N, C-alpha and C. Protein backbone atom coordinates (compact mmCIF):
# COMPACT_ATOMS: atom_id res chain seq x y z
N MET A 1 133.55 86.69 90.57
CA MET A 1 132.22 87.18 89.96
C MET A 1 131.40 86.36 89.90
N SER A 2 130.17 86.81 90.53
CA SER A 2 129.08 85.60 90.54
C SER A 2 127.88 85.98 89.52
N LYS A 3 127.03 85.20 88.97
CA LYS A 3 125.96 85.21 88.27
C LYS A 3 124.69 85.62 89.09
N LEU A 4 123.91 86.59 88.21
CA LEU A 4 122.61 87.15 89.02
C LEU A 4 121.61 86.96 88.32
N HIS A 5 120.79 86.80 88.82
CA HIS A 5 118.93 86.51 88.66
C HIS A 5 118.35 87.74 87.43
N ILE A 6 119.04 89.04 87.73
CA ILE A 6 118.45 89.88 87.03
C ILE A 6 119.43 90.74 85.57
N LYS A 7 118.71 90.80 84.54
CA LYS A 7 119.12 91.73 83.48
C LYS A 7 118.97 92.62 82.84
N LYS A 8 119.70 93.53 82.16
CA LYS A 8 119.27 94.87 81.48
C LYS A 8 117.48 94.16 81.10
N GLY A 9 116.87 95.39 81.03
CA GLY A 9 115.44 95.03 80.50
C GLY A 9 114.21 94.42 81.15
N ASP A 10 114.55 93.56 82.41
CA ASP A 10 114.12 92.68 82.98
C ASP A 10 112.99 94.31 83.70
N MET A 11 111.83 92.95 84.01
CA MET A 11 110.84 94.27 84.72
C MET A 11 110.77 93.28 85.87
N VAL A 12 111.05 93.99 87.39
CA VAL A 12 111.22 93.97 88.69
C VAL A 12 110.42 94.40 89.86
N LEU A 13 110.47 93.94 90.80
CA LEU A 13 109.77 94.48 91.95
C LEU A 13 110.41 94.75 93.12
N VAL A 14 110.52 96.38 93.74
CA VAL A 14 110.93 96.40 94.98
C VAL A 14 110.67 95.55 96.30
N ILE A 15 111.10 94.81 96.64
CA ILE A 15 110.60 94.23 97.69
C ILE A 15 111.41 94.91 99.26
N ALA A 16 112.67 95.99 99.26
CA ALA A 16 112.75 96.23 100.31
C ALA A 16 113.72 97.31 100.06
N GLY A 17 113.60 98.50 100.82
CA GLY A 17 114.41 99.70 100.94
C GLY A 17 113.36 100.80 100.99
N LYS A 18 113.88 101.99 100.88
CA LYS A 18 112.99 102.93 101.18
C LYS A 18 111.69 103.20 100.06
N ASP A 19 112.54 102.67 98.72
CA ASP A 19 111.07 103.03 98.07
C ASP A 19 110.30 102.15 97.85
N ASN A 20 110.42 100.73 98.55
CA ASN A 20 109.41 99.67 99.05
C ASN A 20 108.62 100.40 100.14
N PHE A 21 109.03 101.11 101.21
CA PHE A 21 108.36 101.71 101.78
C PHE A 21 107.28 103.00 101.51
N ARG A 22 107.71 103.61 100.67
CA ARG A 22 107.02 104.73 99.84
C ARG A 22 106.08 103.91 99.17
N THR A 23 105.91 103.15 98.26
CA THR A 23 105.06 102.44 97.71
C THR A 23 104.84 101.31 98.31
N LYS A 24 104.27 101.36 99.55
CA LYS A 24 104.29 100.09 100.15
C LYS A 24 102.47 99.16 99.34
N GLY A 25 102.34 98.24 99.12
CA GLY A 25 100.94 97.58 99.15
C GLY A 25 100.65 97.95 97.11
N SER A 26 101.95 98.82 96.63
CA SER A 26 101.98 98.99 95.07
C SER A 26 102.57 97.63 94.72
N LYS A 27 102.04 97.04 93.41
CA LYS A 27 102.98 96.17 92.84
C LYS A 27 103.03 96.52 91.38
N THR A 28 103.44 97.71 91.58
CA THR A 28 104.01 98.25 90.02
C THR A 28 105.55 97.87 89.89
N PRO A 29 105.63 96.93 88.65
CA PRO A 29 107.12 96.36 88.58
C PRO A 29 107.98 97.85 87.58
N HIS A 30 108.99 97.66 87.89
CA HIS A 30 110.03 98.77 87.20
C HIS A 30 110.81 98.14 86.21
N LYS A 31 111.51 98.97 85.38
CA LYS A 31 112.23 98.41 84.37
C LYS A 31 113.80 98.60 84.81
N VAL A 32 114.73 97.54 84.75
CA VAL A 32 116.13 97.52 84.93
C VAL A 32 116.64 98.03 83.71
N LEU A 33 117.50 99.18 84.36
CA LEU A 33 118.07 99.98 83.22
C LEU A 33 119.49 99.43 83.16
N LYS A 34 120.53 99.15 83.94
CA LYS A 34 121.28 98.78 83.96
C LYS A 34 121.89 98.03 85.17
N VAL A 35 122.77 97.05 85.04
CA VAL A 35 123.10 95.98 85.74
C VAL A 35 124.74 96.22 86.03
N LEU A 36 124.75 96.33 87.51
CA LEU A 36 126.14 96.90 87.88
C LEU A 36 126.95 95.28 88.54
N VAL A 37 127.57 94.51 87.90
CA VAL A 37 127.29 92.99 88.10
C VAL A 37 128.90 92.66 89.42
N ASP A 38 129.86 93.54 89.31
CA ASP A 38 130.59 93.69 90.28
C ASP A 38 130.23 93.80 91.60
N GLU A 39 129.48 94.93 91.63
CA GLU A 39 128.96 95.66 92.75
C GLU A 39 127.73 94.84 93.26
N GLN A 40 127.31 93.76 92.65
CA GLN A 40 125.49 93.45 92.84
C GLN A 40 124.56 94.13 93.12
N ARG A 41 124.67 95.40 92.12
CA ARG A 41 123.43 96.75 92.01
C ARG A 41 123.09 96.64 91.02
N ALA A 42 121.69 97.24 90.98
CA ALA A 42 121.21 97.30 89.44
C ALA A 42 120.55 99.32 89.53
N ILE A 43 120.35 99.47 88.59
CA ILE A 43 119.93 100.94 88.31
C ILE A 43 118.42 100.64 87.82
N VAL A 44 117.62 100.81 88.38
CA VAL A 44 116.24 100.68 88.12
C VAL A 44 114.92 101.79 87.75
N GLU A 45 114.73 101.99 86.68
CA GLU A 45 113.73 103.18 86.36
C GLU A 45 112.74 103.61 87.62
N GLY A 46 112.88 104.35 87.77
CA GLY A 46 112.17 105.57 88.62
C GLY A 46 112.18 105.44 90.13
N VAL A 47 113.27 104.35 90.65
CA VAL A 47 113.42 103.60 91.89
C VAL A 47 115.06 104.24 92.49
N ASN A 48 115.23 104.77 93.90
CA ASN A 48 116.00 105.45 94.69
C ASN A 48 116.31 106.65 93.95
N MET A 49 115.63 107.36 93.53
CA MET A 49 115.98 108.72 92.73
C MET A 49 116.70 109.58 93.70
N VAL A 50 117.71 110.14 93.67
CA VAL A 50 118.56 111.19 94.39
C VAL A 50 118.72 112.23 93.43
N SER A 51 119.12 113.81 94.37
CA SER A 51 119.38 114.54 93.53
C SER A 51 120.82 114.97 93.58
N LYS A 52 121.27 115.56 92.17
CA LYS A 52 122.47 115.57 91.96
C LYS A 52 122.59 116.54 91.77
N SER A 53 123.91 117.82 91.98
CA SER A 53 123.77 119.33 91.59
C SER A 53 124.98 119.01 90.65
N MET A 54 124.43 119.73 89.06
CA MET A 54 125.74 119.79 87.84
C MET A 54 125.91 120.99 87.77
N LYS A 55 127.13 121.30 87.19
CA LYS A 55 127.45 122.49 86.59
C LYS A 55 127.23 122.81 85.36
N PRO A 56 126.70 123.76 84.71
CA PRO A 56 126.35 123.80 83.34
C PRO A 56 127.58 122.79 82.26
N SER A 57 127.22 122.34 81.59
CA SER A 57 127.87 121.63 80.38
C SER A 57 127.34 121.82 79.15
N ALA A 58 127.75 121.19 78.46
CA ALA A 58 126.76 120.90 76.84
C ALA A 58 125.58 120.44 77.17
N LYS A 59 125.56 119.09 77.88
CA LYS A 59 124.66 118.38 77.83
C LYS A 59 123.51 118.88 78.93
N HIS A 60 124.03 119.78 79.99
CA HIS A 60 123.08 120.38 81.32
C HIS A 60 123.43 122.10 80.88
N PRO A 61 123.03 122.79 80.10
CA PRO A 61 123.48 124.05 79.73
C PRO A 61 123.09 124.76 80.97
N GLN A 62 121.86 124.97 81.33
CA GLN A 62 121.50 125.33 82.79
C GLN A 62 122.08 125.06 84.09
N GLY A 63 122.66 123.89 84.01
CA GLY A 63 122.92 123.10 85.61
C GLY A 63 122.15 122.95 86.20
N GLY A 64 122.32 123.31 87.77
CA GLY A 64 121.45 123.03 89.17
C GLY A 64 121.22 121.89 89.26
N ILE A 65 119.90 121.25 90.34
CA ILE A 65 120.02 120.09 90.68
C ILE A 65 118.89 119.23 89.78
N ILE A 66 119.48 118.19 89.32
CA ILE A 66 118.79 117.16 88.54
C ILE A 66 118.40 115.95 89.43
N LYS A 67 117.47 114.86 89.15
CA LYS A 67 117.13 113.87 90.06
C LYS A 67 117.48 113.12 89.00
N GLN A 68 117.84 112.05 89.41
CA GLN A 68 118.54 110.63 88.72
C GLN A 68 118.68 109.28 89.62
N GLU A 69 118.39 107.94 89.09
CA GLU A 69 118.48 106.89 89.59
C GLU A 69 119.76 106.68 90.17
N ALA A 70 119.82 106.20 91.61
CA ALA A 70 120.95 105.54 92.01
C ALA A 70 120.88 104.20 92.05
N PRO A 71 121.86 103.32 92.27
CA PRO A 71 121.86 102.01 92.20
C PRO A 71 121.08 101.26 93.33
N ILE A 72 120.56 100.01 93.65
CA ILE A 72 119.85 99.53 94.18
C ILE A 72 120.50 98.49 94.58
N HIS A 73 120.76 97.95 95.51
CA HIS A 73 121.10 96.28 95.69
C HIS A 73 120.31 95.16 95.18
N ILE A 74 120.60 94.06 94.17
CA ILE A 74 119.56 93.22 94.16
C ILE A 74 119.36 92.19 94.65
N SER A 75 119.58 92.08 96.03
CA SER A 75 118.69 91.24 97.01
C SER A 75 117.39 91.97 97.61
N ASN A 76 117.19 93.22 97.25
CA ASN A 76 115.97 94.20 97.18
C ASN A 76 115.39 93.74 96.03
N LEU A 77 115.74 93.22 95.05
CA LEU A 77 114.82 92.91 93.63
C LEU A 77 114.38 91.88 93.91
N MET A 78 112.79 91.67 93.07
CA MET A 78 112.51 90.62 92.79
C MET A 78 112.02 90.40 91.32
N LEU A 79 112.23 89.53 90.61
CA LEU A 79 111.82 89.13 89.19
C LEU A 79 110.39 88.88 89.00
N VAL A 80 109.64 89.75 88.26
CA VAL A 80 108.32 89.16 87.92
C VAL A 80 108.11 88.44 86.91
N ASP A 81 106.83 87.49 87.11
CA ASP A 81 106.46 86.51 86.74
C ASP A 81 105.82 87.28 85.13
N PRO A 82 106.27 86.69 84.04
CA PRO A 82 106.05 86.84 82.90
C PRO A 82 104.59 86.94 82.35
N LYS A 83 103.66 85.42 83.12
CA LYS A 83 102.68 84.93 82.81
C LYS A 83 101.67 85.48 83.77
N SER A 84 101.83 85.55 85.03
CA SER A 84 100.97 86.07 86.04
C SER A 84 101.07 87.21 86.46
N GLY A 85 102.41 88.09 86.22
CA GLY A 85 102.62 89.56 86.88
C GLY A 85 103.18 89.29 88.18
N ASP A 86 103.13 88.36 89.37
CA ASP A 86 103.65 88.34 90.58
C ASP A 86 105.20 87.93 90.57
N PRO A 87 105.80 88.93 91.60
CA PRO A 87 106.89 88.18 91.71
C PRO A 87 107.15 86.85 92.09
N THR A 88 108.29 86.53 91.54
CA THR A 88 108.90 85.07 91.30
C THR A 88 110.43 84.92 92.11
N ARG A 89 110.83 83.78 92.29
CA ARG A 89 111.95 83.22 92.21
C ARG A 89 112.51 82.62 90.96
N VAL A 90 113.75 82.46 90.71
CA VAL A 90 114.30 82.17 89.74
C VAL A 90 115.24 81.05 89.25
N SER A 91 114.99 80.09 88.75
CA SER A 91 115.66 78.65 88.72
C SER A 91 116.96 78.71 87.51
N ILE A 92 117.57 78.43 87.53
CA ILE A 92 118.74 78.81 86.39
C ILE A 92 118.94 77.20 85.65
N LYS A 93 118.50 77.09 84.39
CA LYS A 93 118.90 75.85 84.02
C LYS A 93 119.85 75.74 82.75
N HIS A 94 120.99 74.98 82.45
CA HIS A 94 121.73 74.81 81.26
C HIS A 94 121.70 73.76 80.23
N GLU A 95 121.49 74.61 79.37
CA GLU A 95 121.48 73.52 77.82
C GLU A 95 122.68 73.67 77.03
N GLY A 96 123.54 73.10 77.16
CA GLY A 96 124.62 73.27 76.36
C GLY A 96 125.59 74.75 77.18
N LYS A 97 125.74 75.40 76.20
CA LYS A 97 126.35 76.83 76.34
C LYS A 97 125.28 77.67 77.03
N ASN A 98 123.97 77.37 76.52
CA ASN A 98 122.71 78.66 76.86
C ASN A 98 122.33 78.18 78.46
N VAL A 99 122.02 79.38 78.98
CA VAL A 99 121.35 79.56 80.43
C VAL A 99 120.43 79.80 80.07
N ILE A 100 119.27 79.22 81.11
CA ILE A 100 117.74 79.81 80.60
C ILE A 100 117.40 80.09 81.69
N ARG A 101 116.60 81.05 82.20
CA ARG A 101 116.13 81.47 83.56
C ARG A 101 114.49 80.88 83.22
N ILE A 102 114.11 80.17 84.57
CA ILE A 102 112.66 79.63 84.55
C ILE A 102 112.38 80.37 85.85
N SER A 103 110.88 80.90 85.39
CA SER A 103 110.13 81.22 86.69
C SER A 103 109.47 80.37 87.77
N LYS A 104 109.99 80.27 88.93
CA LYS A 104 109.56 79.10 90.04
C LYS A 104 108.28 79.04 90.00
N LYS A 105 107.13 80.34 89.87
CA LYS A 105 105.98 80.30 90.32
C LYS A 105 105.05 79.47 89.18
N SER A 106 105.41 79.62 87.77
CA SER A 106 104.41 79.29 86.29
C SER A 106 105.30 78.54 85.80
N GLY A 107 106.42 78.38 86.01
CA GLY A 107 107.67 77.30 85.21
C GLY A 107 107.74 77.90 83.68
N GLU A 108 107.43 79.09 83.70
CA GLU A 108 107.62 79.91 82.16
C GLU A 108 109.11 80.11 82.27
N VAL A 109 109.37 80.32 80.81
CA VAL A 109 110.49 80.52 80.46
C VAL A 109 110.88 82.15 80.48
N ILE A 110 111.94 82.71 81.31
CA ILE A 110 112.00 84.17 81.25
C ILE A 110 113.00 84.06 79.83
N LYS A 111 112.68 85.46 78.92
CA LYS A 111 113.47 85.69 78.28
C LYS A 111 114.38 87.08 78.52
């Protein structure tokens, strides 16, 4: 199991894949909803939408076809710099037991 540069709640930019093709030139950051560490994938809000057929249940009494986000590989995502809003690489610094992520572009600490 390896460490990832993306965490839940981060703002990321899609740099590859079908979502990047659909929103080419758009620099809209998206929020990470969930990170699947073992599979090295993340579920990102509004990205990689798939149609799923649902049987009627208590949660979805109508059933039918619903749209939901599917996981996307983290290599296709790039963290957004908190200072400038541009995509940036991440440097990891260890302070005791704490791990601090630092933006390579601005040197700003990423929360």
